[in-house]
C-alpha cells in the first residue's frame, strides 16, 4: 500500500438514452408548490451539472443530513409527520438501491413511518441540495426513481399523497420565491422496486428575478404504512444549468491534481470574457476561505493548497460570476500520493502488565521474531509497526511477559 494515491471523485450521472418522462421552513418546502406561481416549462440545450455528489455515492456521516443513519454527502433530508412532528429516520443511503457505479449508493425513502391508524399521522420527506444561483439561469433536473408495488404514493386518498421531483428558487433571505413540482406517479413511476428505477427529466425552468439559490431534489408527501413492499427509491441526479446571456464563459476547466503529503497543489480556471469577473472556489460544495500557510487564492483564478494532507482530499470547483450571471466549473479531484500505511496492533490486558509483540512473515512454518515490549498504560493499547510500511505480509501475536 506504499505510495498509493488517495482520492475522492464525484462522477456525474450518466444519461442512458433519452429521457423517458419528461434552509427556510423545512416543513413547508414542497408545500409551496401549490401556493406559488409555477414557471412556464420550456426546452433548452444541456448545460453544466451544478450538483455535488449527484450520483449519491459519496456517503456522509450519520446525522449530517438530519437523519440518524448516513445519507449522501452534501444533501439535506428533512422528514416530519403531520402530528408527531420531526422524524430522524425518514430516509438513508443503501447499496441495494444504487443503479450506476458498482459499490455505490441510492436513497431509500421510508413511507412506512407514516400512519393512518386511528389518526392520519402522515409522513413527508424532503430530499434536496442548495446551490448558489442567479436570475435568468435555466435549469433542468433529471434523476432515477421507482416505488414498490404497495407504495402508498400509488393509492388515491385524501389528503392525496404526492411523489415529486422539485426545483425551487430562493432569494437572499432564503425565502422561496418560485416552486416547480414534477409528479412522478402521473408520469409513469415504476412499481417494481429499486431494480425498476427509470430516469425522469423535468422540463426546463428559469430562475426568476431576485434568485440567490436553486434548490433541487425529490419529495414524498402525505405517505403512510401499507403492507409488504411499500418503499420509494431515487438515485443519480443531474441539475443542468444554462447561464444567462453575457455570463462568464469557462474556456479552460480545472484539472485533477496530486500532491505528496505536505506538498503543494493548485487548480486553475480560464475564462474567455474575464472583464468584471469574480471567483469563489469550493471544496465538496462548500465555499473555501483563505487560510495562511495552507489555502490561498479562493477568490482568484488559481487556487493553491500548501502543506496538503488527507483532509484536503476531495473535489474542487469554482463559481465564476459577473453582472449577467454565474457559471460553475467542472469538479476536479485532489489526490495525495506517497502515503505510507503502517499496521496497528491492539493489545488488551490489565494496566501494568507487560506484553511482547512478535511478528512472522509466514504461518507455516512459523518463525516468530520479537518486535517490541510494551507495558500497558491503558487497555486496549495500540502499537504501530513503523518498520513495515507499504504492502508487506506480516502476521502478529502478543505474548504476556509479566
Protein backbone atom coordinates (compact mmCIF):
# COMPACT_ATOMS: atom_id res chain seq x y z
CA UNK A 1 0.00 0.00 0.00
CA UNK A 2 3.02 2.28 -0.07
CA UNK A 3 2.78 5.35 -2.34
CA UNK A 4 -0.85 4.70 -3.22
CA UNK A 5 -2.85 7.78 -4.31
CA UNK A 6 -5.89 8.57 -2.21
CA UNK A 7 -8.67 10.40 -3.96
CA UNK A 8 -12.36 11.12 -3.80
CA UNK A 9 -14.11 11.68 -7.10
CA UNK A 10 -17.61 12.86 -7.88
CA UNK A 11 -18.75 11.13 -11.06
CA UNK A 12 -21.57 12.82 -12.96
CA UNK A 13 -24.78 10.98 -13.67
CA UNK A 14 -24.73 9.02 -16.91
CA UNK A 15 -27.62 9.61 -19.31
CA UNK A 16 -28.85 6.22 -20.53
CA UNK A 17 -30.56 7.29 -23.73
CA UNK A 18 -33.24 9.98 -23.99
CA UNK A 19 -35.40 10.95 -21.01
CA UNK A 20 -38.40 8.70 -20.53
CA UNK A 21 -40.54 11.35 -18.83
CA UNK A 22 -40.11 14.22 -19.03
CA UNK A 23 -32.90 26.48 4.82
CA UNK A 24 -36.19 28.04 5.08
CA UNK A 25 -39.22 26.36 6.68
CA UNK A 26 -38.39 22.69 6.17
CA UNK A 27 -41.98 21.61 6.84
CA UNK A 28 -43.30 23.87 4.10
CA UNK A 29 -40.63 23.44 1.44
CA UNK A 30 -42.60 21.49 -1.15
CA UNK A 31 -45.99 22.61 0.11
CA UNK A 32 -45.13 25.94 -1.51
CA UNK A 33 -45.54 24.25 -4.90
CA UNK A 34 -49.30 24.68 -4.73
CA UNK A 35 -49.12 28.25 -3.44
CA UNK A 36 -46.62 29.87 -5.75
CA UNK A 37 -46.86 30.52 -9.43
CA UNK A 38 -45.46 27.62 -11.45
CA UNK A 39 -42.96 28.83 -14.01
CA UNK A 40 -43.58 28.05 -17.66
CA UNK A 41 -41.90 24.88 -18.90
CA UNK A 42 -39.56 25.28 -21.86
CA UNK A 43 -36.79 23.28 -23.51
CA UNK A 44 -33.12 24.14 -23.89
CA UNK A 45 -29.64 22.84 -24.60
CA UNK A 46 -27.83 20.78 -21.99
CA UNK A 47 -25.63 22.83 -19.66
CA UNK A 48 -23.33 22.19 -16.71
CA UNK A 49 -24.31 19.87 -13.87
CA UNK A 50 -24.13 22.01 -10.71
CA UNK A 51 -24.83 19.25 -8.18
CA UNK A 52 -22.18 17.97 -5.83
CA UNK A 53 -22.37 14.18 -5.35
CA UNK A 54 -25.23 13.90 -7.82
CA UNK A 55 -24.75 10.13 -8.00
CA UNK A 56 -25.31 9.98 -4.20
CA UNK A 57 -22.32 7.63 -3.98
CA UNK A 58 -20.25 9.69 -1.50
CA UNK A 59 -21.58 8.81 1.93
CA UNK A 60 -21.91 11.46 4.63
CA UNK A 61 -21.59 10.90 8.36
CA UNK A 62 -24.56 9.76 10.39
CA UNK A 63 -26.53 12.84 11.42
CA UNK A 64 -25.03 15.09 8.74
CA UNK A 65 -28.22 15.00 6.65
CA UNK A 66 -30.57 15.49 9.60
CA UNK A 67 -31.19 11.76 9.92
CA UNK A 68 -29.91 9.14 12.33
CA UNK A 69 -28.49 6.94 9.55
CA UNK A 70 -25.90 8.08 6.96
CA UNK A 71 -27.14 9.72 3.78
CA UNK A 72 -25.47 11.27 0.73
CA UNK A 73 -22.77 13.83 1.48
CA UNK A 74 -23.79 17.37 0.57
CA UNK A 75 -27.55 16.73 0.67
CA UNK A 76 -30.23 17.57 3.25
CA UNK A 77 -33.06 15.30 4.39
CA UNK A 78 -35.99 16.90 6.24
CA UNK A 79 -38.59 14.42 7.49
CA UNK A 80 -41.67 15.03 9.63
CA UNK A 81 -45.14 13.66 10.36
CA UNK A 82 -48.31 15.72 10.40
CA UNK A 83 -48.99 15.12 14.10
CA UNK A 84 -45.82 13.66 15.65
CA UNK A 85 -43.53 16.29 14.09
CA UNK A 86 -39.89 15.83 13.02
CA UNK A 87 -38.57 12.30 12.49
CA UNK A 88 -34.92 11.33 12.09
CA UNK A 89 -35.43 8.09 10.18
CA UNK A 90 -37.24 9.13 7.01
CA UNK A 91 -34.55 8.10 4.52
CA UNK A 92 -30.97 6.84 4.28
CA UNK A 93 -28.33 5.62 1.83
CA UNK A 94 -28.37 1.97 0.79
CA UNK A 95 -26.29 -0.03 -1.68
CA UNK A 96 -29.24 -2.08 -2.92
CA UNK A 97 -30.91 0.97 -4.49
CA UNK A 98 -27.83 2.04 -6.45
CA UNK A 99 -28.28 1.97 -10.23
CA UNK A 100 -24.88 3.06 -11.57
CA UNK A 101 -21.33 2.67 -10.25
CA UNK A 102 -20.57 -0.67 -8.64
CA UNK A 103 -20.44 -0.32 -4.86
CA UNK A 104 -22.33 2.98 -4.88
CA UNK A 105 -25.47 4.09 -3.07
CA UNK A 106 -29.01 5.22 -3.77
CA UNK A 107 -31.51 6.80 -1.37
CA UNK A 108 -34.10 4.65 0.42
CA UNK A 109 -37.23 6.56 1.48
CA UNK A 110 -39.34 5.08 4.32
CA UNK A 111 -43.04 5.85 3.75
CA UNK A 112 -43.95 3.13 6.26
CA UNK A 113 -43.00 5.59 9.02
CA UNK A 114 -46.32 7.33 8.35
CA UNK A 115 -49.55 6.03 9.82
CA UNK A 116 -53.31 6.04 9.19
CA UNK A 117 -54.20 4.05 12.31
CA UNK A 118 -56.98 5.92 14.16
CA UNK A 119 -55.43 9.25 13.10
CA UNK A 120 -53.61 10.42 9.99
CA UNK A 121 -50.02 10.90 11.16
CA UNK A 122 -48.72 11.14 7.60
CA UNK A 123 -45.07 11.30 6.60
CA UNK A 124 -43.34 13.88 4.41
CA UNK A 125 -39.67 13.57 3.43
CA UNK A 126 -37.87 16.33 1.53
CA UNK A 127 -34.51 15.45 -0.01
CA UNK A 128 -32.61 18.35 -1.56
CA UNK A 129 -29.41 20.25 -2.23
CA UNK A 130 -28.96 24.04 -2.36
CA UNK A 131 -26.56 25.80 -4.74
CA UNK A 132 -25.92 29.49 -5.49
CA UNK A 133 -27.89 30.74 -8.49
CA UNK A 134 -28.54 33.92 -10.47
CA UNK A 135 -31.67 35.21 -12.24
CA UNK A 136 -32.07 34.14 -15.85
CA UNK A 137 -30.20 30.84 -15.47
CA UNK A 138 -32.12 27.90 -16.95
CA UNK A 139 -32.24 24.60 -15.07
CA UNK A 140 -33.23 21.05 -15.98
CA UNK A 141 -33.40 18.34 -13.29
CA UNK A 142 -33.22 14.63 -14.06
CA UNK A 143 -32.87 11.57 -11.87
CA UNK A 144 -33.87 7.96 -11.40
CA UNK A 145 -36.83 6.84 -9.29
CA UNK A 146 -39.18 3.93 -8.56
CA UNK A 147 -41.62 2.71 -5.93
CA UNK A 148 -42.58 -0.73 -4.74
CA UNK A 149 -45.88 -2.40 -5.53
CA UNK A 150 -47.59 -1.31 -2.29
CA UNK A 151 -46.08 2.18 -2.08
CA UNK A 152 -48.83 4.46 -0.71
CA UNK A 153 -48.00 7.11 -3.28
CA UNK A 154 -49.80 4.94 -5.84
CA UNK A 155 -53.02 4.81 -3.77
CA UNK A 156 -55.56 7.67 -4.16
CA UNK A 157 -56.90 9.01 -0.87
CA UNK A 158 -57.47 12.30 1.00
CA UNK A 159 -55.18 14.05 1.63
CA UNK A 160 -53.54 12.99 -1.60
CA UNK A 161 -50.03 11.50 -1.42
CA UNK A 162 -47.53 13.21 -3.71
CA UNK A 163 -44.26 11.91 -5.18
CA UNK A 164 -42.27 14.71 -6.80
CA UNK A 165 -39.07 15.91 -8.34
CA UNK A 166 -38.79 19.61 -7.43
CA UNK A 167 -36.77 22.67 -8.43
CA UNK A 168 -37.25 25.79 -6.29
CA UNK A 169 -35.72 29.25 -6.23
CA UNK A 170 -34.93 31.19 -3.06
CA UNK A 171 -33.98 34.83 -2.53
CA UNK A 172 -31.13 36.17 -0.40
CA UNK A 173 -33.22 35.78 2.77
CA UNK A 174 -33.83 32.08 1.98
CA UNK A 175 -37.49 32.68 1.17
CA UNK A 176 -38.94 30.50 -1.60
CA UNK A 177 -39.98 32.74 -4.50
CA UNK A 178 -40.87 30.07 -7.09
CA UNK A 179 -41.54 26.35 -6.79
CA UNK A 180 -41.80 23.78 -9.57
CA UNK A 181 -43.01 20.23 -8.91
CA UNK A 182 -43.00 17.27 -11.29
CA UNK A 183 -45.47 14.48 -10.46
CA UNK A 184 -43.60 11.19 -10.85
CA UNK A 185 -46.65 8.94 -10.38
CA UNK A 186 -48.62 10.81 -13.06
CA UNK A 187 -45.64 10.43 -15.39
CA UNK A 188 -45.26 6.67 -15.06
CA UNK A 189 -43.32 5.93 -11.86
CA UNK A 190 -42.41 2.20 -11.96
CA UNK A 191 -43.69 -0.03 -9.13
CA UNK A 192 -41.14 -2.85 -9.39
CA UNK A 193 -38.79 -1.70 -6.62
CA UNK A 194 -35.24 -0.39 -6.81
CA UNK A 195 -34.32 -2.60 -9.76
CA UNK A 196 -37.06 -0.96 -11.85
CA UNK A 197 -35.82 2.63 -11.42
CA UNK A 198 -36.00 4.66 -14.60
CA UNK A 199 -34.94 8.17 -15.47
CA UNK A 200 -37.28 11.14 -15.31
CA UNK A 201 -36.46 14.62 -16.62
CA UNK A 202 -38.31 17.75 -15.57
CA UNK A 203 -38.91 20.35 -18.26
CA UNK A 204 -36.58 23.35 -18.07
CA UNK A 205 -37.31 26.22 -15.67
CA UNK A 206 -35.76 29.69 -15.48
CA UNK A 207 -34.60 31.39 -12.28
CA UNK A 208 -36.79 34.48 -11.68
CA UNK A 209 -35.60 37.94 -10.56
CA UNK A 210 -34.06 38.08 -7.06
CA UNK A 211 -32.94 34.44 -7.19
CA UNK A 212 -29.94 33.70 -4.95
CA UNK A 213 -30.27 29.92 -4.51
CA UNK A 214 -31.54 26.99 -6.55
CA UNK A 215 -32.89 24.04 -4.55
CA UNK A 216 -33.35 20.68 -6.28
CA UNK A 217 -34.33 17.20 -5.18
CA UNK A 218 -37.23 14.85 -4.51
CA UNK A 219 -40.10 14.63 -2.04
CA UNK A 220 -42.73 12.21 -0.79
CA UNK A 221 -45.71 13.96 0.82
CA UNK A 222 -48.58 12.56 2.96
CA UNK A 223 -47.40 8.94 2.67
CA UNK A 224 -48.07 6.14 5.14
CA UNK A 225 -47.66 2.50 6.08
CA UNK A 226 -49.43 -0.10 3.92
CA UNK A 227 -48.13 -3.68 3.87
CA UNK A 228 -45.25 -5.62 2.37
CA UNK A 229 -43.21 -3.95 -0.38
CA UNK A 230 -44.01 -0.25 0.09
CA UNK A 231 -40.83 1.84 -0.26
CA UNK A 232 -39.64 4.57 -2.66
CA UNK A 233 -36.14 4.99 -4.13
CA UNK A 234 -34.10 7.59 -6.04
CA UNK A 235 -30.57 7.80 -7.45
CA UNK A 236 -28.30 9.63 -9.92
CA UNK A 237 -29.49 13.25 -10.03
CA UNK A 238 -28.29 15.80 -12.58
CA UNK A 239 -29.19 19.51 -12.41
CA UNK A 240 -28.10 21.06 -15.69
CA UNK A 241 -27.64 24.84 -15.69
CA UNK A 242 -27.50 27.08 -18.76
CA UNK A 243 -26.31 30.55 -17.78
CA UNK A 244 -27.98 33.74 -18.97
CA UNK A 245 -26.56 35.62 -21.96
CA UNK A 246 -23.44 37.59 -21.06
CA UNK A 247 -22.50 35.34 -18.13
CA UNK A 248 -18.86 34.18 -17.87
CA UNK A 249 -17.71 31.54 -20.34
CA UNK A 250 -15.24 28.98 -18.99
CA UNK A 251 -12.63 28.25 -21.65
CA UNK A 252 -10.30 26.07 -19.54
CA UNK A 253 -11.61 23.76 -16.86
CA UNK A 254 -9.65 22.93 -13.66
CA UNK A 255 -7.63 19.73 -13.94
CA UNK A 256 -7.19 16.93 -11.41
CA UNK A 257 -4.21 17.49 -9.11
CA UNK A 258 -1.93 15.39 -6.93
CA UNK A 259 0.42 16.28 -4.09
CA UNK A 260 2.72 14.44 -1.73
CA UNK A 261 1.93 14.79 1.98
CA UNK A 262 2.92 18.34 2.94
CA UNK A 263 3.29 19.30 -0.74
CA UNK A 264 1.53 21.88 -2.88
CA UNK A 265 -1.34 21.52 -5.35
CA UNK A 266 -3.16 24.09 -7.45
CA UNK A 267 -6.28 24.39 -9.57
CA UNK A 268 -6.74 27.00 -12.32
CA UNK A 269 -9.75 28.09 -14.38
CA UNK A 270 -9.65 30.05 -17.63
CA UNK A 271 -12.44 32.48 -18.61
CA UNK A 272 -12.78 33.88 -22.13
CA UNK A 273 -14.71 37.02 -21.09
CA UNK A 274 -12.91 37.85 -17.86
CA UNK A 275 -13.77 41.56 -17.54
CA UNK A 276 -15.64 42.18 -14.30
CA UNK A 277 -15.46 38.52 -13.29
CA UNK A 278 -15.26 37.29 -9.68
CA UNK A 279 -14.30 33.82 -8.45
CA UNK A 280 -15.27 31.65 -5.48
CA UNK A 281 -13.62 28.25 -5.08
CA UNK A 282 -15.47 25.45 -3.33
CA UNK A 283 -14.41 22.20 -1.67
CA UNK A 284 -17.03 19.45 -1.66
CA UNK A 285 -19.74 22.02 -2.39
CA UNK A 286 -18.70 24.40 0.42
CA UNK A 287 -17.15 27.82 -0.12
CA UNK A 288 -13.47 27.96 0.80
CA UNK A 289 -11.79 30.72 2.81
CA UNK A 290 -8.12 31.65 2.66
CA UNK A 291 -6.03 30.11 5.43
CA UNK A 292 -2.49 31.49 5.92
CA UNK A 293 0.12 28.90 5.02
CA UNK A 294 -2.47 26.44 3.79
CA UNK A 295 -5.09 27.75 1.32
CA UNK A 296 -4.77 30.83 -0.86
CA UNK A 297 -6.45 32.27 -3.95
CA UNK A 298 -10.01 31.28 -3.06
CA UNK A 299 -11.35 34.36 -4.93
CA UNK A 300 -8.89 34.30 -7.83
CA UNK A 301 -8.31 32.28 -11.00
CA UNK A 302 -5.87 29.93 -9.27
CA UNK A 303 -6.46 28.13 -6.00
CA UNK A 304 -3.33 26.93 -4.18
CA UNK A 305 -3.21 24.35 -1.39
CA UNK A 306 0.05 24.25 0.57
CA UNK A 307 1.01 21.66 3.15
CA UNK A 308 -1.54 19.29 1.64
CA UNK A 309 -2.86 16.49 3.83
CA UNK A 310 -5.58 13.88 3.89
CA UNK A 311 -8.19 16.44 5.00
CA UNK A 312 -7.70 18.16 1.63
CA UNK A 313 -8.64 15.08 -0.40
CA UNK A 314 -11.88 15.71 -2.28
CA UNK A 315 -13.49 17.64 -5.11
CA UNK A 316 -12.79 21.26 -6.01
CA UNK A 317 -14.69 23.61 -8.31
CA UNK A 318 -15.11 27.34 -8.80
CA UNK A 319 -18.17 29.57 -9.23
CA UNK A 320 -17.38 32.32 -11.77
CA UNK A 321 -19.67 35.36 -11.76
CA UNK A 322 -20.22 38.73 -13.41
CA UNK A 323 -23.11 41.17 -13.63
CA UNK A 324 -25.02 38.89 -16.02
CA UNK A 325 -24.83 35.62 -14.13
CA UNK A 326 -22.77 32.79 -12.68
CA UNK A 327 -21.37 29.52 -14.01
CA UNK A 328 -19.80 26.52 -12.30
CA UNK A 329 -16.62 24.87 -13.42
CA UNK A 330 -16.35 21.12 -13.62
CA UNK A 331 -15.18 19.44 -10.43
CA UNK A 332 -11.53 18.41 -10.17
CA UNK A 333 -10.28 15.94 -7.55
CA UNK A 334 -7.18 16.26 -5.37
CA UNK A 335 -5.28 13.06 -4.54
CA UNK A 336 -2.47 12.65 -2.02
CA UNK A 337 0.35 10.36 -3.16
CA UNK A 338 3.21 8.66 -1.35
CA UNK A 339 1.35 7.94 1.87
CA UNK A 340 2.82 5.14 3.96
CA UNK A 341 0.44 2.85 5.81
CA UNK A 342 1.59 1.03 8.93
CA UNK A 343 0.00 -1.96 10.70
CA UNK A 344 -1.64 -1.25 14.06
CA UNK A 345 -1.82 -3.96 16.74
CA UNK A 346 -4.31 -3.72 19.61
CA UNK A 347 -3.20 -5.17 22.98
CA UNK A 348 -5.79 -5.84 25.68
CA UNK A 349 -4.93 -6.74 29.28
CA UNK A 350 -4.54 -5.39 32.80
CA UNK A 351 -2.98 -1.97 33.34
CA UNK A 352 0.69 -2.50 34.29
CA UNK A 353 1.03 -5.87 32.51
CA UNK A 354 3.82 -6.26 30.01
CA UNK A 355 3.33 -7.85 26.59
CA UNK A 356 5.79 -8.64 23.81
CA UNK A 357 4.73 -8.16 20.18
CA UNK A 358 6.14 -10.75 17.76
CA UNK A 359 5.74 -10.92 14.00
CA UNK A 360 6.18 -13.56 11.31
CA UNK A 361 6.28 -13.35 7.52
CA UNK A 362 4.51 -16.69 7.06
CA UNK A 363 2.37 -19.01 9.14
CA UNK A 364 3.61 -22.43 8.01
CA UNK A 365 6.17 -22.99 9.38
CA UNK A 366 6.01 -20.05 11.77
CA UNK A 367 9.18 -18.22 12.73
CA UNK A 368 8.20 -15.55 15.27
CA UNK A 369 10.50 -12.54 15.53
CA UNK A 370 10.36 -10.26 18.63
CA UNK A 371 9.38 -6.72 17.66
CA UNK A 372 8.53 -4.71 20.77
CA UNK A 373 7.91 -4.98 24.52
CA UNK A 374 5.04 -2.88 25.86
CA UNK A 375 3.83 -2.10 29.39
CA UNK A 376 0.11 -1.31 29.30
CA UNK A 377 -0.84 2.15 30.47
CA UNK A 378 -4.34 1.83 29.00
CA UNK A 379 -6.37 -1.11 27.68
CA UNK A 380 -6.67 -1.70 24.84
CA UNK A 381 -3.33 -0.13 23.92
CA UNK A 382 -2.33 0.38 20.28
CA UNK A 383 1.11 -0.40 18.87
CA UNK A 384 2.15 0.88 15.42
CA UNK A 385 4.65 -1.24 13.50
CA UNK A 386 6.65 1.57 11.87
CA UNK A 387 9.15 -0.97 10.50
CA UNK A 388 6.61 -2.27 7.97
CA UNK A 389 5.35 0.49 5.66
CA UNK A 390 3.51 -0.45 2.50
CA UNK A 391 2.01 -3.70 1.32
CA UNK A 392 4.18 -6.20 3.20
CA UNK A 393 2.83 -9.50 4.54
CA UNK A 394 3.21 -9.81 8.29
CA UNK A 395 1.40 -11.75 11.00
CA UNK A 396 1.37 -10.63 14.63
CA UNK A 397 0.86 -12.04 18.12
CA UNK A 398 1.02 -10.59 21.63
CA UNK A 399 2.71 -12.64 24.34
CA UNK A 400 2.20 -11.97 28.07
CA UNK A 401 5.61 -11.42 29.75
CA UNK A 402 4.74 -10.44 33.36
